[in-house]
Amino acid sequence: MSDHSVAHGTFVVEREFAQPVSRVFSAWADPAKKAKWFGDRGDNPATIFEFRPGGRESSSGATPDGHTYRFDVTYNDIVPDNRILYSYDMHLDDRKISFSLAAVEFMPNGGGTRLRLTEYGLFLDGLDTLDMRRDGTEALIRQLAAYLDGN
């Protein structure tokens, strides 16, 4: 009997921003801007940031209990001011806990932006779950909103 498992799940997070598409997209595309809202908001900027199709991104951060999470991205498709498609692995310490495919879509909405993030996840060995990932993604989008509102 194996202790290994794969749980499948999909979620969508949508948010409207008062800022134009170009500004919201730039918050994802510019490493200095992204470091201000992504993860621990500047505490763990990406060690690799190659924002282009085929490029990579990697960042990590420690939790208060001493564990380390690592986020390793491959950008699969980027259409400026329209969409970002990427795949990524999440690691907890030295264990891979998930693999995901994500689409971030940027749509004009009056003078602002409607953002839709769709994620298809494979959650491994019970170490990560759909609900945990959705909650984490919603928190990141709230951090993005706070960043955009403050700058």
C-alpha atoms as a PDB file:
ATOM      1  CA  MET A   1       0.000   0.000   0.000  1.00  0.00           C
ATOM      2  CA  SER A   2       1.331   3.422  -0.955  1.00  0.00           C
ATOM      3  CA  ASP A   3       1.193   6.559   1.169  1.00  0.00           C
ATOM      4  CA  HIS A   4       1.197   8.599  -2.035  1.00  0.00           C
ATOM      5  CA  SER A   5      -1.961  10.197  -3.378  1.00  0.00           C
ATOM      6  CA  VAL A   6      -3.130  12.846  -5.840  1.00  0.00           C
ATOM      7  CA  ALA A   7      -6.202  14.991  -5.223  1.00  0.00           C
ATOM      8  CA  HIS A   8      -7.482  16.998  -8.202  1.00  0.00           C
ATOM      9  CA  GLY A   9      -9.176  20.381  -7.949  1.00  0.00           C
ATOM     10  CA  THR A  10     -10.049  23.579  -9.766  1.00  0.00           C
ATOM     11  CA  PHE A  11     -10.928  27.007  -8.456  1.00  0.00           C
ATOM     12  CA  VAL A  12     -11.498  30.512  -9.807  1.00  0.00           C
ATOM     13  CA  VAL A  13     -10.768  33.797  -8.041  1.00  0.00           C
ATOM     14  CA  GLU A  14     -12.184  36.979  -9.552  1.00  0.00           C
ATOM     15  CA  ARG A  15     -11.602  40.555  -8.491  1.00  0.00           C
ATOM     16  CA  GLU A  16     -12.309  44.014  -9.876  1.00  0.00           C
ATOM     17  CA  PHE A  17      -9.714  46.762  -9.570  1.00  0.00           C
ATOM     18  CA  ALA A  18     -10.152  50.510 -10.129  1.00  0.00           C
ATOM     19  CA  GLN A  19      -6.771  50.656 -11.894  1.00  0.00           C
ATOM     20  CA  PRO A  20      -6.383  50.167 -15.671  1.00  0.00           C
ATOM     21  CA  VAL A  21      -5.294  46.819 -17.112  1.00  0.00           C
ATOM     22  CA  SER A  22      -1.775  48.048 -17.887  1.00  0.00           C
ATOM     23  CA  ARG A  23      -1.179  48.895 -14.214  1.00  0.00           C
ATOM     24  CA  VAL A  24      -2.580  45.614 -12.873  1.00  0.00           C
ATOM     25  CA  PHE A  25      -0.630  43.577 -15.434  1.00  0.00           C
ATOM     26  CA  SER A  26       2.560  45.489 -14.592  1.00  0.00           C
ATOM     27  CA  ALA A  27       2.203  44.480 -10.937  1.00  0.00           C
ATOM     28  CA  TRP A  28       2.663  40.856 -12.096  1.00  0.00           C
ATOM     29  CA  ALA A  29       5.309  41.528 -14.759  1.00  0.00           C
ATOM     30  CA  ASP A  30       7.752  43.818 -12.945  1.00  0.00           C
ATOM     31  CA  PRO A  31       9.875  42.024 -10.302  1.00  0.00           C
ATOM     32  CA  ALA A  32      10.202  45.093  -8.055  1.00  0.00           C
ATOM     33  CA  LYS A  33       6.434  45.648  -8.068  1.00  0.00           C
ATOM     34  CA  LYS A  34       5.599  41.965  -7.593  1.00  0.00           C
ATOM     35  CA  ALA A  35       7.958  41.732  -4.603  1.00  0.00           C
ATOM     36  CA  LYS A  36       5.845  44.371  -2.853  1.00  0.00           C
ATOM     37  CA  TRP A  37       2.657  42.306  -2.847  1.00  0.00           C
ATOM     38  CA  PHE A  38       3.447  38.652  -3.592  1.00  0.00           C
ATOM     39  CA  GLY A  39       4.282  36.216  -0.787  1.00  0.00           C
ATOM     40  CA  ASP A  40       5.397  38.039   2.330  1.00  0.00           C
ATOM     41  CA  ARG A  41       5.412  41.399   0.535  1.00  0.00           C
ATOM     42  CA  GLY A  42       9.097  42.014   0.081  1.00  0.00           C
ATOM     43  CA  ASP A  43      10.422  39.596   2.688  1.00  0.00           C
ATOM     44  CA  ASN A  44      11.178  36.955   0.054  1.00  0.00           C
ATOM     45  CA  PRO A  45      11.653  38.465  -3.407  1.00  0.00           C
ATOM     46  CA  ALA A  46      12.046  36.027  -6.265  1.00  0.00           C
ATOM     47  CA  THR A  47      15.556  34.630  -6.629  1.00  0.00           C
ATOM     48  CA  ILE A  48      14.780  33.949 -10.297  1.00  0.00           C
ATOM     49  CA  PHE A  49      12.409  36.195 -12.284  1.00  0.00           C
ATOM     50  CA  GLU A  50      12.345  35.643 -16.053  1.00  0.00           C
ATOM     51  CA  PHE A  51       8.978  37.052 -17.111  1.00  0.00           C
ATOM     52  CA  ARG A  52       8.750  35.740 -20.674  1.00  0.00           C
ATOM     53  CA  PRO A  53       7.327  32.621 -22.334  1.00  0.00           C
ATOM     54  CA  GLY A  54       9.606  29.761 -21.291  1.00  0.00           C
ATOM     55  CA  GLY A  55      10.996  31.844 -18.431  1.00  0.00           C
ATOM     56  CA  ARG A  56      11.098  30.831 -14.799  1.00  0.00           C
ATOM     57  CA  GLU A  57      10.386  32.321 -11.423  1.00  0.00           C
ATOM     58  CA  SER A  58      11.363  30.976  -8.031  1.00  0.00           C
ATOM     59  CA  SER A  59      10.827  32.284  -4.520  1.00  0.00           C
ATOM     60  CA  SER A  60      10.719  30.809  -1.052  1.00  0.00           C
ATOM     61  CA  GLY A  61       9.801  31.833   2.443  1.00  0.00           C
ATOM     62  CA  ALA A  62       9.885  30.443   5.947  1.00  0.00           C
ATOM     63  CA  THR A  63       6.880  30.005   8.218  1.00  0.00           C
ATOM     64  CA  PRO A  64       6.967  30.915  11.926  1.00  0.00           C
ATOM     65  CA  ASP A  65       7.207  27.202  12.794  1.00  0.00           C
ATOM     66  CA  GLY A  66      10.421  26.829  10.760  1.00  0.00           C
ATOM     67  CA  HIS A  67       9.113  25.226   7.566  1.00  0.00           C
ATOM     68  CA  THR A  68      10.101  26.559   4.149  1.00  0.00           C
ATOM     69  CA  TYR A  69       7.762  26.878   1.169  1.00  0.00           C
ATOM     70  CA  ARG A  70       9.181  27.178  -2.354  1.00  0.00           C
ATOM     71  CA  PHE A  71       7.255  28.334  -5.445  1.00  0.00           C
ATOM     72  CA  ASP A  72       8.825  27.317  -8.805  1.00  0.00           C
ATOM     73  CA  VAL A  73       7.138  28.691 -11.952  1.00  0.00           C
ATOM     74  CA  THR A  74       7.473  28.173 -15.685  1.00  0.00           C
ATOM     75  CA  TYR A  75       5.754  30.854 -17.766  1.00  0.00           C
ATOM     76  CA  ASN A  76       4.035  29.092 -20.653  1.00  0.00           C
ATOM     77  CA  ASP A  77       2.343  32.013 -22.425  1.00  0.00           C
ATOM     78  CA  ILE A  78       2.204  35.759 -21.862  1.00  0.00           C
ATOM     79  CA  VAL A  79       0.117  38.249 -23.815  1.00  0.00           C
ATOM     80  CA  PRO A  80       0.818  41.726 -22.383  1.00  0.00           C
ATOM     81  CA  ASP A  81      -2.200  43.347 -20.741  1.00  0.00           C
ATOM     82  CA  ASN A  82      -4.283  40.254 -21.531  1.00  0.00           C
ATOM     83  CA  ARG A  83      -3.139  36.961 -19.950  1.00  0.00           C
ATOM     84  CA  ILE A  84      -0.421  35.066 -18.127  1.00  0.00           C
ATOM     85  CA  LEU A  85      -0.389  31.255 -18.320  1.00  0.00           C
ATOM     86  CA  TYR A  86       2.002  29.405 -16.058  1.00  0.00           C
ATOM     87  CA  SER A  87       2.639  26.085 -14.404  1.00  0.00           C
ATOM     88  CA  TYR A  88       4.214  25.709 -11.001  1.00  0.00           C
ATOM     89  CA  ASP A  89       5.358  23.340  -8.283  1.00  0.00           C
ATOM     90  CA  MET A  90       4.984  24.055  -4.592  1.00  0.00           C
ATOM     91  CA  HIS A  91       7.404  22.491  -2.136  1.00  0.00           C
ATOM     92  CA  LEU A  92       7.215  22.257   1.643  1.00  0.00           C
ATOM     93  CA  ASP A  93      10.748  21.835   2.909  1.00  0.00           C
ATOM     94  CA  ASP A  94      12.106  19.180   0.509  1.00  0.00           C
ATOM     95  CA  ARG A  95       8.765  17.629  -0.449  1.00  0.00           C
ATOM     96  CA  LYS A  96       6.757  18.518  -3.544  1.00  0.00           C
ATOM     97  CA  ILE A  97       3.228  19.181  -2.311  1.00  0.00           C
ATOM     98  CA  SER A  98       1.478  20.220  -5.517  1.00  0.00           C
ATOM     99  CA  PHE A  99       1.643  20.919  -9.220  1.00  0.00           C
ATOM    100  CA  SER A 100      -0.664  23.494 -10.798  1.00  0.00           C
ATOM    101  CA  LEU A 101      -1.567  25.100 -14.102  1.00  0.00           C
ATOM    102  CA  ALA A 102      -2.838  28.669 -13.766  1.00  0.00           C
ATOM    103  CA  ALA A 103      -4.349  31.315 -16.034  1.00  0.00           C
ATOM    104  CA  VAL A 104      -4.505  34.969 -15.027  1.00  0.00           C
ATOM    105  CA  GLU A 105      -6.769  36.976 -17.317  1.00  0.00           C
ATOM    106  CA  PHE A 106      -6.904  40.779 -17.370  1.00  0.00           C
ATOM    107  CA  MET A 107     -10.090  42.301 -18.836  1.00  0.00           C
ATOM    108  CA  PRO A 108     -10.928  45.987 -19.231  1.00  0.00           C
ATOM    109  CA  ASN A 109     -13.879  46.975 -17.048  1.00  0.00           C
ATOM    110  CA  GLY A 110     -14.778  50.605 -17.615  1.00  0.00           C
ATOM    111  CA  GLY A 111     -11.610  52.436 -16.592  1.00  0.00           C
ATOM    112  CA  GLY A 112     -10.570  49.551 -14.366  1.00  0.00           C
ATOM    113  CA  THR A 113      -9.724  45.875 -14.617  1.00  0.00           C
ATOM    114  CA  ARG A 114     -11.505  42.616 -14.023  1.00  0.00           C
ATOM    115  CA  LEU A 115      -8.997  39.901 -13.095  1.00  0.00           C
ATOM    116  CA  ARG A 116      -9.843  36.203 -13.290  1.00  0.00           C
ATOM    117  CA  LEU A 117      -7.354  33.636 -11.955  1.00  0.00           C
ATOM    118  CA  THR A 118      -8.205  30.007 -12.723  1.00  0.00           C
ATOM    119  CA  GLU A 119      -6.106  27.219 -11.263  1.00  0.00           C
ATOM    120  CA  TYR A 120      -6.096  23.497 -11.998  1.00  0.00           C
ATOM    121  CA  GLY A 121      -4.232  21.760  -9.199  1.00  0.00           C
ATOM    122  CA  LEU A 122      -2.841  18.360  -8.340  1.00  0.00           C
ATOM    123  CA  PHE A 123      -2.378  18.173  -4.582  1.00  0.00           C
ATOM    124  CA  LEU A 124       0.058  15.506  -3.461  1.00  0.00           C
ATOM    125  CA  ASP A 125       0.069  13.084  -0.548  1.00  0.00           C
ATOM    126  CA  GLY A 126      -2.364  15.098   1.576  1.00  0.00           C
ATOM    127  CA  LEU A 127       0.268  17.822   2.129  1.00  0.00           C
ATOM    128  CA  ASP A 128      -1.775  20.497   0.328  1.00  0.00           C
ATOM    129  CA  THR A 129      -5.471  20.802  -0.488  1.00  0.00           C
ATOM    130  CA  LEU A 130      -7.746  22.693  -2.844  1.00  0.00           C
ATOM    131  CA  ASP A 131      -9.161  24.749   0.031  1.00  0.00           C
ATOM    132  CA  MET A 132      -5.691  25.672   1.322  1.00  0.00           C
ATOM    133  CA  ARG A 133      -4.561  26.756  -2.148  1.00  0.00           C
ATOM    134  CA  ARG A 134      -7.719  28.760  -2.857  1.00  0.00           C
ATOM    135  CA  ASP A 135      -7.415  30.515   0.534  1.00  0.00           C
ATOM    136  CA  GLY A 136      -3.752  31.331  -0.167  1.00  0.00           C
ATOM    137  CA  THR A 137      -4.545  32.640  -3.647  1.00  0.00           C
ATOM    138  CA  GLU A 138      -7.390  34.797  -2.348  1.00  0.00           C
ATOM    139  CA  ALA A 139      -4.986  36.254   0.243  1.00  0.00           C
ATOM    140  CA  LEU A 140      -2.465  37.065  -2.514  1.00  0.00           C
ATOM    141  CA  ILE A 141      -5.129  38.831  -4.577  1.00  0.00           C
ATOM    142  CA  ARG A 142      -6.127  40.871  -1.496  1.00  0.00           C
ATOM    143  CA  GLN A 143      -2.441  41.817  -1.107  1.00  0.00           C
ATOM    144  CA  LEU A 144      -2.356  42.815  -4.786  1.00  0.00           C
ATOM    145  CA  ALA A 145      -5.429  45.029  -4.236  1.00  0.00           C
ATOM    146  CA  ALA A 146      -3.829  46.678  -1.205  1.00  0.00           C
ATOM    147  CA  TYR A 147      -0.624  47.282  -3.174  1.00  0.00           C
ATOM    148  CA  LEU A 148      -2.510  48.796  -6.131  1.00  0.00           C
ATOM    149  CA  ASP A 149      -4.649  50.975  -3.858  1.00  0.00           C
ATOM    150  CA  GLY A 150      -1.566  52.244  -2.035  1.00  0.00           C
ATOM    151  CA  ASN A 151       0.563  53.083  -5.091  1.00  0.00           C
END
